[in-house]
Amino acid sequence: LWLPEIRSGSPGRRQAAERAAINAPMQGTAADLIKRAMIAVQRWLDEMRMASKLILQVHDELVLEVPEDELAAVREALPKLMSGVARLAVPLVAEVGVGSNWDEAH
């Protein structure tokens, strides 16, 4: 992580760089976890020969298109798959929302 403003004489710029330095490890770890979750979900979909499609990742969320006949299986498997990608001192919790669009799923 390169933060040239960390030594800035401007308090605002220096403080912004300090916040970035503090946040980087958490954001980087979260990015790694969601990538692992994507791999786990896609492998499961492939192994189960599902027609469901992993179509989008936004921050800490995966968006899938799931046929009605696969919904129960996907809804049951995803939280286990996503929360099982790493062993941490705190639990990883994953929830499933269902809807015909992003808004309805939340």
PDB file of N, CA and C in Angstrom:
ATOM      1  N   LEU A   1       0.859  -1.171   0.000  1.00  0.00           N
ATOM      2  CA  LEU A   1       0.000   0.000   0.000  1.00  0.00           C
ATOM      3  C   LEU A   1       0.901   1.228   0.000  1.00  0.00           C
ATOM      4  N   TRP A   2       0.753   2.044  -1.014  1.00  0.00           N
ATOM      5  CA  TRP A   2       1.585   3.237  -1.146  1.00  0.00           C
ATOM      6  C   TRP A   2       0.759   4.450  -0.780  1.00  0.00           C
ATOM      7  N   LEU A   3       1.146   5.150   0.260  1.00  0.00           N
ATOM      8  CA  LEU A   3       0.412   6.312   0.756  1.00  0.00           C
ATOM      9  C   LEU A   3       1.359   7.502   0.916  1.00  0.00           C
ATOM     10  N   PRO A   4       1.687   8.178  -0.168  1.00  0.00           N
ATOM     11  CA  PRO A   4       2.633   9.293  -0.077  1.00  0.00           C
ATOM     12  C   PRO A   4       2.125  10.439   0.795  1.00  0.00           C
ATOM     13  N   GLU A   5       0.818  10.577   0.950  1.00  0.00           N
ATOM     14  CA  GLU A   5       0.258  11.675   1.749  1.00  0.00           C
ATOM     15  C   GLU A   5       0.395  11.441   3.254  1.00  0.00           C
ATOM     16  N   ILE A   6       0.890  10.269   3.661  1.00  0.00           N
ATOM     17  CA  ILE A   6       1.024   9.959   5.082  1.00  0.00           C
ATOM     18  C   ILE A   6       1.985  10.937   5.773  1.00  0.00           C
ATOM     19  N   ARG A   7       2.870  11.543   4.999  1.00  0.00           N
ATOM     20  CA  ARG A   7       3.825  12.520   5.548  1.00  0.00           C
ATOM     21  C   ARG A   7       3.475  13.954   5.135  1.00  0.00           C
ATOM     22  N   SER A   8       2.267  14.147   4.676  1.00  0.00           N
ATOM     23  CA  SER A   8       1.838  15.459   4.204  1.00  0.00           C
ATOM     24  C   SER A   8       1.797  16.473   5.338  1.00  0.00           C
ATOM     25  N   GLY A   9       2.115  17.698   5.004  1.00  0.00           N
ATOM     26  CA  GLY A   9       1.993  18.790   5.962  1.00  0.00           C
ATOM     27  C   GLY A   9       0.548  19.230   6.139  1.00  0.00           C
ATOM     28  N   SER A  10      -0.302  18.800   5.239  1.00  0.00           N
ATOM     29  CA  SER A  10      -1.727  19.128   5.321  1.00  0.00           C
ATOM     30  C   SER A  10      -2.421  18.115   6.233  1.00  0.00           C
ATOM     31  N   PRO A  11      -2.978  18.569   7.353  1.00  0.00           N
ATOM     32  CA  PRO A  11      -3.617  17.628   8.279  1.00  0.00           C
ATOM     33  C   PRO A  11      -4.717  16.784   7.622  1.00  0.00           C
ATOM     34  N   GLY A  12      -5.522  17.383   6.776  1.00  0.00           N
ATOM     35  CA  GLY A  12      -6.601  16.643   6.125  1.00  0.00           C
ATOM     36  C   GLY A  12      -6.085  15.521   5.246  1.00  0.00           C
ATOM     37  N   ARG A  13      -5.055  15.814   4.453  1.00  0.00           N
ATOM     38  CA  ARG A  13      -4.476  14.782   3.577  1.00  0.00           C
ATOM     39  C   ARG A  13      -3.785  13.686   4.387  1.00  0.00           C
ATOM     40  N   ARG A  14      -3.058  14.098   5.419  1.00  0.00           N
ATOM     41  CA  ARG A  14      -2.369  13.118   6.258  1.00  0.00           C
ATOM     42  C   ARG A  14      -3.387  12.212   6.965  1.00  0.00           C
ATOM     43  N   GLN A  15      -4.443  12.792   7.508  1.00  0.00           N
ATOM     44  CA  GLN A  15      -5.458  11.997   8.200  1.00  0.00           C
ATOM     45  C   GLN A  15      -6.174  11.037   7.245  1.00  0.00           C
ATOM     46  N   ALA A  16      -6.415  11.470   6.023  1.00  0.00           N
ATOM     47  CA  ALA A  16      -7.039  10.575   5.037  1.00  0.00           C
ATOM     48  C   ALA A  16      -6.127   9.386   4.753  1.00  0.00           C
ATOM     49  N   ALA A  17      -4.824   9.642   4.628  1.00  0.00           N
ATOM     50  CA  ALA A  17      -3.868   8.557   4.389  1.00  0.00           C
ATOM     51  C   ALA A  17      -3.788   7.631   5.602  1.00  0.00           C
ATOM     52  N   GLU A  18      -3.842   8.197   6.796  1.00  0.00           N
ATOM     53  CA  GLU A  18      -3.820   7.370   8.009  1.00  0.00           C
ATOM     54  C   GLU A  18      -5.052   6.457   8.069  1.00  0.00           C
ATOM     55  N   ARG A  19      -6.221   6.997   7.721  1.00  0.00           N
ATOM     56  CA  ARG A  19      -7.440   6.172   7.706  1.00  0.00           C
ATOM     57  C   ARG A  19      -7.322   5.057   6.670  1.00  0.00           C
ATOM     58  N   ALA A  20      -6.769   5.389   5.517  1.00  0.00           N
ATOM     59  CA  ALA A  20      -6.587   4.370   4.475  1.00  0.00           C
ATOM     60  C   ALA A  20      -5.651   3.267   4.958  1.00  0.00           C
ATOM     61  N   ALA A  21      -4.593   3.642   5.674  1.00  0.00           N
ATOM     62  CA  ALA A  21      -3.646   2.651   6.191  1.00  0.00           C
ATOM     63  C   ALA A  21      -4.304   1.730   7.218  1.00  0.00           C
ATOM     64  N   ILE A  22      -5.184   2.282   8.026  1.00  0.00           N
ATOM     65  CA  ILE A  22      -5.878   1.481   9.036  1.00  0.00           C
ATOM     66  C   ILE A  22      -6.904   0.558   8.389  1.00  0.00           C
ATOM     67  N   ASN A  23      -7.617   1.051   7.381  1.00  0.00           N
ATOM     68  CA  ASN A  23      -8.683   0.273   6.745  1.00  0.00           C
ATOM     69  C   ASN A  23      -8.177  -0.791   5.783  1.00  0.00           C
ATOM     70  N   ALA A  24      -7.013  -0.604   5.209  1.00  0.00           N
ATOM     71  CA  ALA A  24      -6.520  -1.513   4.165  1.00  0.00           C
ATOM     72  C   ALA A  24      -6.476  -2.983   4.589  1.00  0.00           C
ATOM     73  N   PRO A  25      -5.968  -3.325   5.768  1.00  0.00           N
ATOM     74  CA  PRO A  25      -5.938  -4.754   6.129  1.00  0.00           C
ATOM     75  C   PRO A  25      -7.328  -5.391   6.213  1.00  0.00           C
ATOM     76  N   MET A  26      -8.304  -4.660   6.760  1.00  0.00           N
ATOM     77  CA  MET A  26      -9.655  -5.222   6.859  1.00  0.00           C
ATOM     78  C   MET A  26     -10.301  -5.351   5.484  1.00  0.00           C
ATOM     79  N   GLN A  27     -10.168  -4.318   4.673  1.00  0.00           N
ATOM     80  CA  GLN A  27     -10.778  -4.357   3.347  1.00  0.00           C
ATOM     81  C   GLN A  27     -10.116  -5.415   2.477  1.00  0.00           C
ATOM     82  N   GLY A  28      -8.816  -5.557   2.594  1.00  0.00           N
ATOM     83  CA  GLY A  28      -8.111  -6.577   1.823  1.00  0.00           C
ATOM     84  C   GLY A  28      -8.514  -7.978   2.238  1.00  0.00           C
ATOM     85  N   THR A  29      -8.659  -8.194   3.537  1.00  0.00           N
ATOM     86  CA  THR A  29      -9.083  -9.505   4.031  1.00  0.00           C
ATOM     87  C   THR A  29     -10.504  -9.813   3.583  1.00  0.00           C
ATOM     88  N   ALA A  30     -11.390  -8.827   3.661  1.00  0.00           N
ATOM     89  CA  ALA A  30     -12.772  -9.028   3.209  1.00  0.00           C
ATOM     90  C   ALA A  30     -12.810  -9.356   1.720  1.00  0.00           C
ATOM     91  N   ALA A  31     -11.972  -8.696   0.937  1.00  0.00           N
ATOM     92  CA  ALA A  31     -11.914  -8.985  -0.499  1.00  0.00           C
ATOM     93  C   ALA A  31     -11.447 -10.414  -0.742  1.00  0.00           C
ATOM     94  N   ASP A  32     -10.463 -10.856   0.022  1.00  0.00           N
ATOM     95  CA  ASP A  32      -9.986 -12.241  -0.110  1.00  0.00           C
ATOM     96  C   ASP A  32     -11.084 -13.240   0.249  1.00  0.00           C
ATOM     97  N   LEU A  33     -11.838 -12.953   1.298  1.00  0.00           N
ATOM     98  CA  LEU A  33     -12.898 -13.865   1.735  1.00  0.00           C
ATOM     99  C   LEU A  33     -14.013 -13.976   0.704  1.00  0.00           C
ATOM    100  N   ILE A  34     -14.428 -12.859   0.104  1.00  0.00           N
ATOM    101  CA  ILE A  34     -15.509 -12.932  -0.872  1.00  0.00           C
ATOM    102  C   ILE A  34     -15.036 -13.652  -2.133  1.00  0.00           C
ATOM    103  N   LYS A  35     -13.764 -13.517  -2.480  1.00  0.00           N
ATOM    104  CA  LYS A  35     -13.232 -14.265  -3.629  1.00  0.00           C
ATOM    105  C   LYS A  35     -13.231 -15.765  -3.343  1.00  0.00           C
ATOM    106  N   ARG A  36     -12.855 -16.135  -2.128  1.00  0.00           N
ATOM    107  CA  ARG A  36     -12.915 -17.557  -1.753  1.00  0.00           C
ATOM    108  C   ARG A  36     -14.354 -18.066  -1.787  1.00  0.00           C
ATOM    109  N   ALA A  37     -15.277 -17.230  -1.334  1.00  0.00           N
ATOM    110  CA  ALA A  37     -16.691 -17.617  -1.357  1.00  0.00           C
ATOM    111  C   ALA A  37     -17.177 -17.808  -2.788  1.00  0.00           C
ATOM    112  N   MET A  38     -16.757 -16.939  -3.684  1.00  0.00           N
ATOM    113  CA  MET A  38     -17.148 -17.077  -5.091  1.00  0.00           C
ATOM    114  C   MET A  38     -16.664 -18.406  -5.655  1.00  0.00           C
ATOM    115  N   ILE A  39     -15.440 -18.755  -5.344  1.00  0.00           N
ATOM    116  CA  ILE A  39     -14.879 -20.022  -5.830  1.00  0.00           C
ATOM    117  C   ILE A  39     -15.656 -21.198  -5.248  1.00  0.00           C
ATOM    118  N   ALA A  40     -15.926 -21.155  -3.951  1.00  0.00           N
ATOM    119  CA  ALA A  40     -16.654 -22.256  -3.305  1.00  0.00           C
ATOM    120  C   ALA A  40     -18.052 -22.415  -3.892  1.00  0.00           C
ATOM    121  N   VAL A  41     -18.740 -21.316  -4.102  1.00  0.00           N
ATOM    122  CA  VAL A  41     -20.097 -21.371  -4.653  1.00  0.00           C
ATOM    123  C   VAL A  41     -20.072 -21.894  -6.080  1.00  0.00           C
ATOM    124  N   GLN A  42     -19.157 -21.382  -6.902  1.00  0.00           N
ATOM    125  CA  GLN A  42     -19.107 -21.833  -8.297  1.00  0.00           C
ATOM    126  C   GLN A  42     -18.738 -23.309  -8.392  1.00  0.00           C
ATOM    127  N   ARG A  43     -17.807 -23.753  -7.579  1.00  0.00           N
ATOM    128  CA  ARG A  43     -17.453 -25.183  -7.576  1.00  0.00           C
ATOM    129  C   ARG A  43     -18.659 -26.041  -7.206  1.00  0.00           C
ATOM    130  N   TRP A  44     -19.411 -25.611  -6.198  1.00  0.00           N
ATOM    131  CA  TRP A  44     -20.597 -26.356  -5.780  1.00  0.00           C
ATOM    132  C   TRP A  44     -21.640 -26.385  -6.894  1.00  0.00           C
ATOM    133  N   LEU A  45     -21.877 -25.233  -7.515  1.00  0.00           N
ATOM    134  CA  LEU A  45     -22.838 -25.180  -8.627  1.00  0.00           C
ATOM    135  C   LEU A  45     -22.428 -26.135  -9.744  1.00  0.00           C
ATOM    136  N   ASP A  46     -21.121 -26.153 -10.051  1.00  0.00           N
ATOM    137  CA  ASP A  46     -20.617 -27.048 -11.103  1.00  0.00           C
ATOM    138  C   ASP A  46     -20.767 -28.515 -10.697  1.00  0.00           C
ATOM    139  N   GLU A  47     -20.359 -28.836  -9.471  1.00  0.00           N
ATOM    140  CA  GLU A  47     -20.438 -30.226  -8.995  1.00  0.00           C
ATOM    141  C   GLU A  47     -21.875 -30.736  -8.962  1.00  0.00           C
ATOM    142  N   MET A  48     -22.801 -29.869  -8.600  1.00  0.00           N
ATOM    143  CA  MET A  48     -24.210 -30.250  -8.507  1.00  0.00           C
ATOM    144  C   MET A  48     -24.924 -30.132  -9.856  1.00  0.00           C
ATOM    145  N   ARG A  49     -24.184 -29.674 -10.853  1.00  0.00           N
ATOM    146  CA  ARG A  49     -24.741 -29.469 -12.207  1.00  0.00           C
ATOM    147  C   ARG A  49     -25.995 -28.597 -12.169  1.00  0.00           C
ATOM    148  N   MET A  50     -25.873 -27.527 -11.441  1.00  0.00           N
ATOM    149  CA  MET A  50     -26.980 -26.585 -11.301  1.00  0.00           C
ATOM    150  C   MET A  50     -27.055 -25.665 -12.521  1.00  0.00           C
ATOM    151  N   ALA A  51     -28.243 -25.238 -12.842  1.00  0.00           N
ATOM    152  CA  ALA A  51     -28.450 -24.242 -13.893  1.00  0.00           C
ATOM    153  C   ALA A  51     -28.282 -22.829 -13.330  1.00  0.00           C
ATOM    154  N   SER A  52     -28.245 -22.704 -12.020  1.00  0.00           N
ATOM    155  CA  SER A  52     -28.068 -21.408 -11.366  1.00  0.00           C
ATOM    156  C   SER A  52     -26.767 -20.771 -11.820  1.00  0.00           C
ATOM    157  N   LYS A  53     -26.783 -19.447 -11.901  1.00  0.00           N
ATOM    158  CA  LYS A  53     -25.615 -18.705 -12.369  1.00  0.00           C
ATOM    159  C   LYS A  53     -25.192 -17.673 -11.328  1.00  0.00           C
ATOM    160  N   LEU A  54     -23.910 -17.676 -11.028  1.00  0.00           N
ATOM    161  CA  LEU A  54     -23.312 -16.635 -10.202  1.00  0.00           C
ATOM    162  C   LEU A  54     -23.055 -15.474 -11.154  1.00  0.00           C
ATOM    163  N   ILE A  55     -23.781 -14.362 -10.983  1.00  0.00           N
ATOM    164  CA  ILE A  55     -23.702 -13.300 -11.982  1.00  0.00           C
ATOM    165  C   ILE A  55     -22.995 -12.032 -11.524  1.00  0.00           C
ATOM    166  N   LEU A  56     -22.872 -11.832 -10.214  1.00  0.00           N
ATOM    167  CA  LEU A  56     -22.336 -10.556  -9.768  1.00  0.00           C
ATOM    168  C   LEU A  56     -21.812 -10.651  -8.343  1.00  0.00           C
ATOM    169  N   GLN A  57     -20.762  -9.909  -8.077  1.00  0.00           N
ATOM    170  CA  GLN A  57     -20.249  -9.751  -6.718  1.00  0.00           C
ATOM    171  C   GLN A  57     -20.184  -8.259  -6.434  1.00  0.00           C
ATOM    172  N   VAL A  58     -20.804  -7.840  -5.334  1.00  0.00           N
ATOM    173  CA  VAL A  58     -20.795  -6.434  -4.929  1.00  0.00           C
ATOM    174  C   VAL A  58     -20.385  -6.380  -3.463  1.00  0.00           C
ATOM    175  N   HIS A  59     -19.225  -5.813  -3.208  1.00  0.00           N
ATOM    176  CA  HIS A  59     -18.693  -5.704  -1.844  1.00  0.00           C
ATOM    177  C   HIS A  59     -18.666  -7.077  -1.162  1.00  0.00           C
ATOM    178  N   ASP A  60     -19.550  -7.318  -0.197  1.00  0.00           N
ATOM    179  CA  ASP A  60     -19.541  -8.591   0.540  1.00  0.00           C
ATOM    180  C   ASP A  60     -20.724  -9.469   0.142  1.00  0.00           C
ATOM    181  N   GLU A  61     -21.199  -9.303  -1.067  1.00  0.00           N
ATOM    182  CA  GLU A  61     -22.435  -9.953  -1.490  1.00  0.00           C
ATOM    183  C   GLU A  61     -22.256 -10.639  -2.836  1.00  0.00           C
ATOM    184  N   LEU A  62     -22.880 -11.803  -2.965  1.00  0.00           N
ATOM    185  CA  LEU A  62     -22.927 -12.501  -4.246  1.00  0.00           C
ATOM    186  C   LEU A  62     -24.358 -12.469  -4.749  1.00  0.00           C
ATOM    187  N   VAL A  63     -24.513 -12.252  -6.050  1.00  0.00           N
ATOM    188  CA  VAL A  63     -25.832 -12.228  -6.677  1.00  0.00           C
ATOM    189  C   VAL A  63     -25.896 -13.390  -7.656  1.00  0.00           C
ATOM    190  N   LEU A  64     -26.943 -14.182  -7.538  1.00  0.00           N
ATOM    191  CA  LEU A  64     -27.130 -15.338  -8.409  1.00  0.00           C
ATOM    192  C   LEU A  64     -28.491 -15.269  -9.083  1.00  0.00           C
ATOM    193  N   GLU A  65     -28.573 -15.860 -10.267  1.00  0.00           N
ATOM    194  CA  GLU A  65     -29.857 -16.129 -10.908  1.00  0.00           C
ATOM    195  C   GLU A  65     -30.133 -17.604 -10.676  1.00  0.00           C
ATOM    196  N   VAL A  66     -31.259 -17.900 -10.045  1.00  0.00           N
ATOM    197  CA  VAL A  66     -31.554 -19.267  -9.616  1.00  0.00           C
ATOM    198  C   VAL A  66     -32.937 -19.676 -10.129  1.00  0.00           C
ATOM    199  N   PRO A  67     -33.002 -20.769 -10.893  1.00  0.00           N
ATOM    200  CA  PRO A  67     -34.318 -21.272 -11.301  1.00  0.00           C
ATOM    201  C   PRO A  67     -35.126 -21.697 -10.075  1.00  0.00           C
ATOM    202  N   GLU A  68     -36.418 -21.579 -10.184  1.00  0.00           N
ATOM    203  CA  GLU A  68     -37.317 -21.894  -9.061  1.00  0.00           C
ATOM    204  C   GLU A  68     -37.075 -23.289  -8.497  1.00  0.00           C
ATOM    205  N   ASP A  69     -36.816 -24.271  -9.368  1.00  0.00           N
ATOM    206  CA  ASP A  69     -36.651 -25.654  -8.895  1.00  0.00           C
ATOM    207  C   ASP A  69     -35.330 -25.891  -8.167  1.00  0.00           C
ATOM    208  N   GLU A  70     -34.405 -24.936  -8.229  1.00  0.00           N
ATOM    209  CA  GLU A  70     -33.132 -25.054  -7.513  1.00  0.00           C
ATOM    210  C   GLU A  70     -33.069 -24.162  -6.273  1.00  0.00           C
ATOM    211  N   LEU A  71     -34.072 -23.343  -6.100  1.00  0.00           N
ATOM    212  CA  LEU A  71     -34.037 -22.321  -5.052  1.00  0.00           C
ATOM    213  C   LEU A  71     -33.820 -22.900  -3.657  1.00  0.00           C
ATOM    214  N   ALA A  72     -34.529 -23.935  -3.293  1.00  0.00           N
ATOM    215  CA  ALA A  72     -34.393 -24.500  -1.939  1.00  0.00           C
ATOM    216  C   ALA A  72     -32.976 -25.007  -1.691  1.00  0.00           C
ATOM    217  N   ALA A  73     -32.404 -25.715  -2.655  1.00  0.00           N
ATOM    218  CA  ALA A  73     -31.051 -26.262  -2.490  1.00  0.00           C
ATOM    219  C   ALA A  73     -30.017 -25.149  -2.398  1.00  0.00           C
ATOM    220  N   VAL A  74     -30.135 -24.149  -3.250  1.00  0.00           N
ATOM    221  CA  VAL A  74     -29.183 -23.031  -3.242  1.00  0.00           C
ATOM    222  C   VAL A  74     -29.326 -22.238  -1.948  1.00  0.00           C
ATOM    223  N   ARG A  75     -30.546 -22.001  -1.551  1.00  0.00           N
ATOM    224  CA  ARG A  75     -30.802 -21.236  -0.325  1.00  0.00           C
ATOM    225  C   ARG A  75     -30.216 -21.931   0.905  1.00  0.00           C
ATOM    226  N   GLU A  76     -30.236 -23.244   0.918  1.00  0.00           N
ATOM    227  CA  GLU A  76     -29.676 -23.999   2.039  1.00  0.00           C
ATOM    228  C   GLU A  76     -28.151 -24.055   1.983  1.00  0.00           C
ATOM    229  N   ALA A  77     -27.594 -24.233   0.794  1.00  0.00           N
ATOM    230  CA  ALA A  77     -26.150 -24.453   0.657  1.00  0.00           C
ATOM    231  C   ALA A  77     -25.313 -23.182   0.765  1.00  0.00           C
ATOM    232  N   LEU A  78     -25.787 -22.071   0.222  1.00  0.00           N
ATOM    233  CA  LEU A  78     -24.955 -20.875   0.150  1.00  0.00           C
ATOM    234  C   LEU A  78     -24.427 -20.371   1.491  1.00  0.00           C
ATOM    235  N   PRO A  79     -25.254 -20.251   2.533  1.00  0.00           N
ATOM    236  CA  PRO A  79     -24.687 -19.772   3.798  1.00  0.00           C
ATOM    237  C   PRO A  79     -23.570 -20.670   4.325  1.00  0.00           C
ATOM    238  N   LYS A  80     -23.730 -21.976   4.179  1.00  0.00           N
ATOM    239  CA  LYS A  80     -22.692 -22.907   4.642  1.00  0.00           C
ATOM    240  C   LYS A  80     -21.425 -22.758   3.809  1.00  0.00           C
ATOM    241  N   LEU A  81     -21.597 -22.661   2.491  1.00  0.00           N
ATOM    242  CA  LEU A  81     -20.437 -22.522   1.610  1.00  0.00           C
ATOM    243  C   LEU A  81     -19.693 -21.227   1.894  1.00  0.00           C
ATOM    244  N   MET A  82     -20.433 -20.136   1.994  1.00  0.00           N
ATOM    245  CA  MET A  82     -19.798 -18.832   2.168  1.00  0.00           C
ATOM    246  C   MET A  82     -19.169 -18.673   3.547  1.00  0.00           C
ATOM    247  N   SER A  83     -19.820 -19.174   4.574  1.00  0.00           N
ATOM    248  CA  SER A  83     -19.268 -19.003   5.921  1.00  0.00           C
ATOM    249  C   SER A  83     -18.171 -20.010   6.230  1.00  0.00           C
ATOM    250  N   GLY A  84     -17.977 -20.986   5.360  1.00  0.00           N
ATOM    251  CA  GLY A  84     -16.958 -21.999   5.590  1.00  0.00           C
ATOM    252  C   GLY A  84     -15.651 -21.774   4.859  1.00  0.00           C
ATOM    253  N   VAL A  85     -15.453 -20.586   4.298  1.00  0.00           N
ATOM    254  CA  VAL A  85     -14.252 -20.355   3.489  1.00  0.00           C
ATOM    255  C   VAL A  85     -13.004 -20.072   4.312  1.00  0.00           C
ATOM    256  N   ALA A  86     -13.167 -19.774   5.603  1.00  0.00           N
ATOM    257  CA  ALA A  86     -12.001 -19.502   6.455  1.00  0.00           C
ATOM    258  C   ALA A  86     -12.371 -19.758   7.910  1.00  0.00           C
ATOM    259  N   ARG A  87     -11.384 -20.164   8.683  1.00  0.00           N
ATOM    260  CA  ARG A  87     -11.566 -20.308  10.128  1.00  0.00           C
ATOM    261  C   ARG A  87     -10.991 -19.070  10.793  1.00  0.00           C
ATOM    262  N   LEU A  88     -11.864 -18.351  11.448  1.00  0.00           N
ATOM    263  CA  LEU A  88     -11.464 -17.112  12.098  1.00  0.00           C
ATOM    264  C   LEU A  88     -11.856 -17.158  13.571  1.00  0.00           C
ATOM    265  N   ALA A  89     -11.348 -16.216  14.334  1.00  0.00           N
ATOM    266  CA  ALA A  89     -11.701 -16.129  15.751  1.00  0.00           C
ATOM    267  C   ALA A  89     -13.134 -15.638  15.937  1.00  0.00           C
ATOM    268  N   VAL A  90     -13.692 -15.036  14.907  1.00  0.00           N
ATOM    269  CA  VAL A  90     -15.085 -14.585  14.929  1.00  0.00           C
ATOM    270  C   VAL A  90     -15.853 -15.362  13.867  1.00  0.00           C
ATOM    271  N   PRO A  91     -17.146 -15.561  14.069  1.00  0.00           N
ATOM    272  CA  PRO A  91     -17.907 -16.315  13.065  1.00  0.00           C
ATOM    273  C   PRO A  91     -18.137 -15.502  11.795  1.00  0.00           C
ATOM    274  N   LEU A  92     -18.102 -16.186  10.670  1.00  0.00           N
ATOM    275  CA  LEU A  92     -18.535 -15.591   9.409  1.00  0.00           C
ATOM    276  C   LEU A  92     -20.000 -15.967   9.247  1.00  0.00           C
ATOM    277  N   VAL A  93     -20.835 -14.996   9.034  1.00  0.00           N
ATOM    278  CA  VAL A  93     -22.264 -15.244   8.898  1.00  0.00           C
ATOM    279  C   VAL A  93     -22.698 -14.832   7.500  1.00  0.00           C
ATOM    280  N   ALA A  94     -23.422 -15.701   6.830  1.00  0.00           N
ATOM    281  CA  ALA A  94     -23.951 -15.396   5.505  1.00  0.00           C
ATOM    282  C   ALA A  94     -25.455 -15.603   5.519  1.00  0.00           C
ATOM    283  N   GLU A  95     -26.156 -14.703   4.881  1.00  0.00           N
ATOM    284  CA  GLU A  95     -27.607 -14.781   4.791  1.00  0.00           C
ATOM    285  C   GLU A  95     -28.013 -14.788   3.328  1.00  0.00           C
ATOM    286  N   VAL A  96     -29.174 -15.355   3.050  1.00  0.00           N
ATOM    287  CA  VAL A  96     -29.695 -15.403   1.686  1.00  0.00           C
ATOM    288  C   VAL A  96     -30.961 -14.566   1.618  1.00  0.00           C
ATOM    289  N   GLY A  97     -31.003 -13.690   0.635  1.00  0.00           N
ATOM    290  CA  GLY A  97     -32.213 -12.938   0.329  1.00  0.00           C
ATOM    291  C   GLY A  97     -32.706 -13.390  -1.033  1.00  0.00           C
ATOM    292  N   VAL A  98     -34.010 -13.443  -1.210  1.00  0.00           N
ATOM    293  CA  VAL A  98     -34.587 -13.912  -2.462  1.00  0.00           C
ATOM    294  C   VAL A  98     -35.546 -12.857  -2.989  1.00  0.00           C
ATOM    295  N   GLY A  99     -35.443 -12.589  -4.277  1.00  0.00           N
ATOM    296  CA  GLY A  99     -36.359 -11.656  -4.917  1.00  0.00           C
ATOM    297  C   GLY A  99     -36.135 -11.651  -6.407  1.00  0.00           C
ATOM    298  N   SER A 100     -37.064 -11.070  -7.122  1.00  0.00           N
ATOM    299  CA  SER A 100     -36.917 -11.014  -8.576  1.00  0.00           C
ATOM    300  C   SER A 100     -36.004  -9.875  -9.000  1.00  0.00           C
ATOM    301  N   ASN A 101     -35.578  -9.047  -8.036  1.00  0.00           N
ATOM    302  CA  ASN A 101     -34.574  -8.014  -8.300  1.00  0.00           C
ATOM    303  C   ASN A 101     -33.799  -7.757  -7.008  1.00  0.00           C
ATOM    304  N   TRP A 102     -32.762  -6.955  -7.110  1.00  0.00           N
ATOM    305  CA  TRP A 102     -31.877  -6.713  -5.970  1.00  0.00           C
ATOM    306  C   TRP A 102     -32.647  -6.100  -4.801  1.00  0.00           C
ATOM    307  N   ASP A 103     -33.527  -5.158  -5.095  1.00  0.00           N
ATOM    308  CA  ASP A 103     -34.286  -4.490  -4.045  1.00  0.00           C
ATOM    309  C   ASP A 103     -35.169  -5.479  -3.280  1.00  0.00           C
ATOM    310  N   GLU A 104     -35.862  -6.344  -3.988  1.00  0.00           N
ATOM    311  CA  GLU A 104     -36.729  -7.326  -3.332  1.00  0.00           C
ATOM    312  C   GLU A 104     -35.932  -8.322  -2.490  1.00  0.00           C
ATOM    313  N   ALA A 105     -34.722  -8.616  -2.900  1.00  0.00           N
ATOM    314  CA  ALA A 105     -33.893  -9.583  -2.175  1.00  0.00           C
ATOM    315  C   ALA A 105     -33.384  -9.016  -0.854  1.00  0.00           C
ATOM    316  N   HIS A 106     -33.509  -7.722  -0.669  1.00  0.00           N
ATOM    317  CA  HIS A 106     -33.064  -7.086   0.572  1.00  0.00           C
ATOM    318  C   HIS A 106     -34.262  -6.717   1.384  1.00  0.00           C
TER     319      HIS A 106
END
